[in-house]
Amino acid sequence: MDLRQLEYFVAVAEERNFTRAAERVHISQSGVSAQIRQLERELGAELFDRSARAATLTTAGKAALDHARAALAAAGAVSQAVGEVTELIRGRLSVGMVIGCTITPLFDALAAFHRAHPGVEISLLEDNSDRLVDGVRANTLDLALIGTPNATHEGLDALTIVKERLVAAVPAGHPLAERRRVTLRDLSAYPVVCMPPGTGLRTVFDQVCAAQALHPVIALQAGAADAIAGLASRGLGVAVLSESMAAHYRDRLTARLIDDAETPAFLSLVWKPAHSPAVRAFLAHGRKAFGMSGAG
């Protein structure tokens, strides 16, 4: 017997149908049937009862199933271990990135990873943070760079890249530009330009406002810091940004720390604890690009 036969056997057992199993393993139904017949001849017993519409396991099939799964898992572990030692990492790496991200070390990490592991196909998806976290949990993304109000996420590992307070950014001549201190109540007297719901920065802003029963008017929303700064610089509202975001627009906006918005916004990489060699390799490049060290 070989691993291919065991894979087909497990597929039919789990799908309870030869046609669906064939679609799952990407070969013809006749190919699956032939390989399982050969496996049955080698074992000297039928593994499936084919008399009904569904392919159900015989007593011998039930006895074989757990062992077949264990053999496939062991083979996968061998392949992974050898791949890690030889650094021959292949496959796909799906990375999520929060909308409007301008954190260039992420791009440096992707470039370094691609140079080191050209056999890995990289895909990059831009979305809001809530959907990116859902994608990591659902295994449609391997890892994601998100904006978040939390340092930890249930069921996920996380590496904090940035931890910052919120600021109000306004053009010269705006009343808030003349103040040394700005509070949420001060800010609420003016229209606000900020990130949309589902982003970490907006979640933090909504939380600190709710804690004081304040309801500022969100005049405009944009997913990119450039757009928020551009709107604010034209007098369309007070920009709510993180400290590092606002620093890029010193030439046209004056930033004031919001004194009573003490909850920080985090920019973090998140991934599942059980991850592939590709994810592990990318995290090593990510820590280097972001100037960090240590396990996560």
Protein backbone atom coordinates (compact mmCIF):
# COMPACT_ATOMS: atom_id res chain seq x y z
CA MET A 1 0.00 0.00 0.00
CA ASP A 2 1.07 3.62 -0.41
CA LEU A 3 0.10 6.98 1.05
CA ARG A 4 -1.96 7.88 -2.00
CA GLN A 5 -4.21 4.88 -1.43
CA LEU A 6 -4.62 5.82 2.24
CA GLU A 7 -5.49 9.40 1.28
CA TYR A 8 -8.20 8.19 -1.10
CA PHE A 9 -9.52 5.76 1.51
CA VAL A 10 -9.83 8.52 4.12
CA ALA A 11 -11.46 10.87 1.60
CA VAL A 12 -14.16 8.32 0.70
CA ALA A 13 -14.70 7.46 4.37
CA GLU A 14 -15.21 11.12 5.29
CA GLU A 15 -17.26 12.09 2.23
CA ARG A 16 -19.24 8.78 2.21
CA ASN A 17 -19.31 9.14 -1.56
CA PHE A 18 -16.80 8.17 -4.26
CA THR A 19 -17.70 11.10 -6.53
CA ARG A 20 -17.23 13.75 -3.84
CA ALA A 21 -14.03 12.06 -2.68
CA ALA A 22 -12.69 12.15 -6.24
CA GLU A 23 -13.43 15.89 -6.45
CA ARG A 24 -11.68 16.42 -3.13
CA VAL A 25 -8.47 14.66 -4.20
CA HIS A 26 -8.65 16.01 -7.76
CA ILE A 27 -8.67 12.76 -9.74
CA SER A 28 -11.37 10.78 -11.54
CA GLN A 29 -13.87 8.63 -9.69
CA SER A 30 -12.62 5.57 -11.55
CA GLY A 31 -9.09 6.34 -10.35
CA VAL A 32 -10.24 6.51 -6.73
CA SER A 33 -12.23 3.29 -7.07
CA ALA A 34 -9.30 1.44 -8.70
CA GLN A 35 -6.84 2.50 -5.99
CA ILE A 36 -9.18 1.50 -3.18
CA ARG A 37 -9.87 -1.87 -4.84
CA GLN A 38 -6.12 -2.42 -4.97
CA LEU A 39 -5.80 -1.46 -1.30
CA GLU A 40 -8.58 -3.91 -0.40
CA ARG A 41 -6.82 -6.69 -2.30
CA GLU A 42 -3.59 -5.99 -0.43
CA LEU A 43 -5.39 -5.99 2.93
CA GLY A 44 -7.53 -9.00 2.06
CA ALA A 45 -10.78 -7.30 3.14
CA GLU A 46 -13.40 -4.96 1.77
CA LEU A 47 -13.28 -1.52 3.35
CA PHE A 48 -16.62 -0.19 2.09
CA ASP A 49 -20.13 -1.52 1.75
CA ARG A 50 -21.08 -0.46 -1.75
CA SER A 51 -24.62 -1.89 -1.73
CA ALA A 52 -26.25 1.37 -0.53
CA ARG A 53 -26.21 4.82 -2.12
CA ALA A 54 -23.69 6.05 0.44
CA ALA A 55 -20.27 4.44 0.77
CA THR A 56 -20.28 3.16 4.34
CA LEU A 57 -17.36 1.60 6.16
CA THR A 58 -17.31 -2.12 6.83
CA THR A 59 -16.03 -3.42 10.16
CA ALA A 60 -12.58 -3.76 8.57
CA GLY A 61 -12.83 -0.21 7.20
CA LYS A 62 -13.69 1.19 10.62
CA ALA A 63 -10.71 -0.61 12.09
CA ALA A 64 -8.41 0.81 9.42
CA LEU A 65 -9.59 4.43 9.41
CA ASP A 66 -7.81 5.79 12.50
CA HIS A 67 -4.58 4.07 11.49
CA ALA A 68 -4.82 5.51 7.98
CA ARG A 69 -5.30 9.00 9.37
CA ALA A 70 -2.36 8.53 11.73
CA ALA A 71 -0.14 7.35 8.87
CA LEU A 72 -1.03 10.41 6.76
CA ALA A 73 -0.42 12.74 9.70
CA ALA A 74 2.95 11.13 10.39
CA ALA A 75 3.96 11.46 6.74
CA GLY A 76 2.98 15.12 6.79
CA ALA A 77 5.04 15.68 9.94
CA VAL A 78 8.08 14.06 8.31
CA SER A 79 7.73 16.30 5.26
CA GLN A 80 7.35 19.39 7.43
CA ALA A 81 10.34 18.51 9.60
CA VAL A 82 12.59 17.93 6.61
CA GLY A 83 11.33 21.10 4.96
CA GLU A 84 12.14 23.15 8.03
CA VAL A 85 15.64 21.71 8.30
CA THR A 86 16.43 22.21 4.63
CA GLU A 87 14.47 25.49 4.42
CA LEU A 88 12.66 24.18 1.35
CA ILE A 89 9.38 25.82 2.29
CA ARG A 90 6.73 25.65 -0.40
CA GLY A 91 3.03 26.25 -0.76
CA ARG A 92 1.10 29.47 -0.19
CA LEU A 93 1.20 32.31 2.31
CA SER A 94 -1.95 34.44 2.57
CA VAL A 95 -1.36 37.74 4.35
CA GLY A 96 -3.97 40.29 5.39
CA MET A 97 -3.27 44.00 5.76
CA VAL A 98 -5.47 46.64 7.34
CA ILE A 99 -6.87 49.20 4.88
CA GLY A 100 -4.69 52.25 4.40
CA CYS A 101 -1.59 50.59 5.86
CA THR A 102 1.59 52.60 5.33
CA ILE A 103 3.81 50.46 7.56
CA THR A 104 6.67 49.78 5.16
CA PRO A 105 8.42 47.16 7.35
CA LEU A 106 5.58 44.80 6.42
CA PHE A 107 6.53 45.19 2.78
CA ASP A 108 10.21 44.70 3.68
CA ALA A 109 9.30 41.46 5.48
CA LEU A 110 7.32 40.21 2.47
CA ALA A 111 10.22 41.01 0.14
CA ALA A 112 12.78 39.28 2.39
CA PHE A 113 10.52 36.24 2.74
CA HIS A 114 10.06 36.05 -1.04
CA ARG A 115 13.81 36.17 -1.63
CA ALA A 116 14.43 33.43 0.93
CA HIS A 117 11.50 31.21 -0.15
CA PRO A 118 10.72 31.79 -3.83
CA GLY A 119 8.75 28.53 -3.93
CA VAL A 120 6.00 30.05 -1.78
CA GLU A 121 3.16 31.86 -3.55
CA ILE A 122 2.31 35.05 -1.62
CA SER A 123 -1.11 36.69 -1.67
CA LEU A 124 -1.99 39.98 0.04
CA LEU A 125 -5.52 41.06 0.98
CA GLU A 126 -6.45 44.54 2.21
CA ASP A 127 -9.54 44.80 4.41
CA ASN A 128 -10.78 46.20 7.69
CA SER A 129 -9.39 44.69 10.86
CA ASP A 130 -12.52 42.85 11.99
CA ARG A 131 -12.78 40.94 8.73
CA LEU A 132 -9.06 40.19 8.71
CA VAL A 133 -9.29 38.61 12.18
CA ASP A 134 -12.26 36.55 10.99
CA GLY A 135 -10.18 35.44 8.00
CA VAL A 136 -7.32 34.24 10.20
CA ARG A 137 -9.74 32.35 12.45
CA ALA A 138 -11.44 30.77 9.41
CA ASN A 139 -8.06 29.78 7.87
CA THR A 140 -8.64 31.87 4.74
CA LEU A 141 -5.66 33.98 5.86
CA ASP A 142 -2.43 32.69 7.42
CA LEU A 143 -1.74 35.90 9.31
CA ALA A 144 -2.75 39.56 9.24
CA LEU A 145 -1.52 43.00 10.23
CA ILE A 146 -4.46 44.66 11.98
CA GLY A 147 -5.37 47.80 13.88
CA THR A 148 -6.99 46.83 17.15
CA PRO A 149 -7.99 48.13 20.58
CA ASN A 150 -6.69 44.93 22.19
CA ALA A 151 -3.23 43.49 22.73
CA THR A 152 -4.61 39.94 22.72
CA HIS A 153 -7.17 38.05 20.64
CA GLU A 154 -8.87 34.87 21.80
CA GLY A 155 -7.52 31.81 20.02
CA LEU A 156 -4.78 33.74 18.20
CA ASP A 157 -1.15 34.57 18.81
CA ALA A 158 -0.22 38.23 18.41
CA LEU A 159 2.86 40.38 18.00
CA THR A 160 2.35 44.07 18.87
CA ILE A 161 4.05 46.33 16.35
CA VAL A 162 2.85 49.73 17.52
CA LYS A 163 1.01 50.90 20.66
CA GLU A 164 -0.13 54.52 20.46
CA ARG A 165 -2.58 57.09 21.80
CA LEU A 166 -5.12 58.94 19.69
CA VAL A 167 -4.57 62.52 18.56
CA ALA A 168 -6.73 65.28 17.10
CA ALA A 169 -5.15 66.83 14.02
CA VAL A 170 -6.29 70.20 12.63
CA PRO A 171 -5.00 72.80 10.15
CA ALA A 172 -3.43 76.09 11.21
CA GLY A 173 -6.01 78.59 12.40
CA HIS A 174 -8.37 75.99 13.83
CA PRO A 175 -9.40 76.75 17.45
CA LEU A 176 -8.00 73.40 18.67
CA ALA A 177 -4.60 74.26 17.21
CA GLU A 178 -4.33 77.09 19.73
CA ARG A 179 -4.95 74.81 22.72
CA ARG A 180 -2.18 73.06 24.61
CA ARG A 181 -4.61 70.44 25.89
CA VAL A 182 -7.48 68.82 23.98
CA THR A 183 -10.18 66.63 25.54
CA LEU A 184 -12.83 64.46 23.96
CA ARG A 185 -15.45 67.05 24.94
CA ASP A 186 -13.42 69.76 23.17
CA LEU A 187 -13.19 67.56 20.10
CA SER A 188 -16.91 66.77 20.14
CA ALA A 189 -17.73 70.41 19.46
CA TYR A 190 -16.51 69.94 15.86
CA PRO A 191 -17.22 67.53 13.01
CA VAL A 192 -14.86 64.56 13.02
CA VAL A 193 -13.03 62.80 10.17
CA CYS A 194 -11.89 59.29 11.06
CA MET A 195 -11.52 55.65 10.08
CA PRO A 196 -14.66 53.58 9.39
CA PRO A 197 -16.16 51.03 11.80
CA GLY A 198 -14.30 47.72 11.88
CA THR A 199 -10.89 49.37 12.17
CA GLY A 200 -8.93 49.35 15.39
CA LEU A 201 -8.52 53.12 15.59
CA ARG A 202 -12.25 53.72 15.15
CA THR A 203 -13.07 51.07 17.76
CA VAL A 204 -10.82 52.78 20.29
CA PHE A 205 -12.34 56.17 19.49
CA ASP A 206 -15.89 54.86 19.84
CA GLN A 207 -15.06 53.18 23.15
CA VAL A 208 -13.50 56.23 24.80
CA CYS A 209 -16.39 58.45 23.63
CA ALA A 210 -18.98 55.96 24.90
CA ALA A 211 -17.25 55.84 28.29
CA GLN A 212 -18.01 59.56 28.67
CA ALA A 213 -21.45 59.40 27.01
CA LEU A 214 -20.19 61.63 24.20
CA HIS A 215 -21.56 61.42 20.67
CA PRO A 216 -19.33 63.39 18.29
CA VAL A 217 -20.59 63.95 14.76
CA ILE A 218 -18.67 61.69 12.38
CA ALA A 219 -18.82 63.95 9.35
CA LEU A 220 -16.59 61.92 7.03
CA GLN A 221 -14.95 58.49 7.06
CA ALA A 222 -12.01 57.20 5.07
CA GLY A 223 -9.94 54.02 5.22
CA ALA A 224 -6.57 55.68 4.50
CA ALA A 225 -4.71 58.13 6.71
CA ASP A 226 -3.79 60.21 3.64
CA ALA A 227 -7.46 60.73 2.86
CA ILE A 228 -8.31 61.65 6.47
CA ALA A 229 -5.44 64.15 6.59
CA GLY A 230 -6.42 65.61 3.22
CA LEU A 231 -10.01 66.15 4.32
CA ALA A 232 -9.00 67.67 7.66
CA SER A 233 -6.45 70.00 6.08
CA ARG A 234 -9.25 71.42 3.93
CA GLY A 235 -11.29 72.28 7.00
CA LEU A 236 -13.88 69.52 6.66
CA GLY A 237 -13.42 68.16 10.18
CA VAL A 238 -11.00 67.30 12.96
CA ALA A 239 -8.90 64.28 12.03
CA VAL A 240 -8.66 61.50 14.61
CA LEU A 241 -5.44 59.59 13.98
CA SER A 242 -2.74 57.72 15.87
CA GLU A 243 0.42 59.56 16.88
CA SER A 244 2.60 58.03 14.16
CA MET A 245 -0.04 58.60 11.48
CA ALA A 246 -0.35 62.29 12.37
CA ALA A 247 3.43 62.71 12.35
CA HIS A 248 3.43 62.25 8.56
CA TYR A 249 1.32 65.40 8.13
CA ARG A 250 3.19 67.92 10.31
CA ASP A 251 3.56 70.21 7.30
CA ARG A 252 -0.21 70.82 7.13
CA LEU A 253 -1.78 69.64 10.40
CA THR A 254 -1.18 70.39 14.06
CA ALA A 255 -1.62 67.29 16.23
CA ARG A 256 -2.75 67.42 19.85
CA LEU A 257 -2.83 64.37 22.09
CA ILE A 258 -6.39 63.75 23.32
CA ASP A 259 -5.78 63.92 27.06
CA ASP A 260 -8.64 61.77 28.27
CA ALA A 261 -8.48 59.17 25.48
CA GLU A 262 -6.04 57.02 27.41
CA THR A 263 -6.89 53.70 25.75
CA PRO A 264 -4.17 53.04 23.16
CA ALA A 265 -4.62 51.68 19.66
CA PHE A 266 -2.51 48.68 18.73
CA LEU A 267 -1.08 47.64 15.39
CA SER A 268 -0.46 43.90 15.60
CA LEU A 269 0.35 40.82 13.59
CA VAL A 270 -2.04 37.96 14.42
CA TRP A 271 -1.94 34.28 13.48
CA LYS A 272 -3.19 30.91 14.68
CA PRO A 273 -1.04 29.02 17.21
CA ALA A 274 -0.99 25.92 14.96
CA HIS A 275 0.72 27.42 11.94
CA SER A 276 2.69 26.29 8.91
CA PRO A 277 6.47 26.48 8.33
CA ALA A 278 5.77 29.33 5.90
CA VAL A 279 4.08 31.38 8.65
CA ARG A 280 6.91 30.62 11.06
CA ALA A 281 9.48 31.73 8.47
CA PHE A 282 7.57 34.91 7.68
CA LEU A 283 7.31 35.81 11.37
CA ALA A 284 11.09 35.57 11.63
CA HIS A 285 11.43 38.04 8.77
CA GLY A 286 8.68 40.19 10.27
CA ARG A 287 10.40 40.47 13.65
CA LYS A 288 13.63 41.46 11.91
CA ALA A 289 11.89 44.04 9.71
CA PHE A 290 10.06 45.56 12.68
CA GLY A 291 13.22 45.51 14.81
CA MET A 292 11.90 42.91 17.23
CA SER A 293 13.10 39.61 18.65
CA GLY A 294 11.77 36.72 20.66
CA ALA A 295 9.12 34.09 20.17
CA GLY A 296 5.44 34.69 19.67
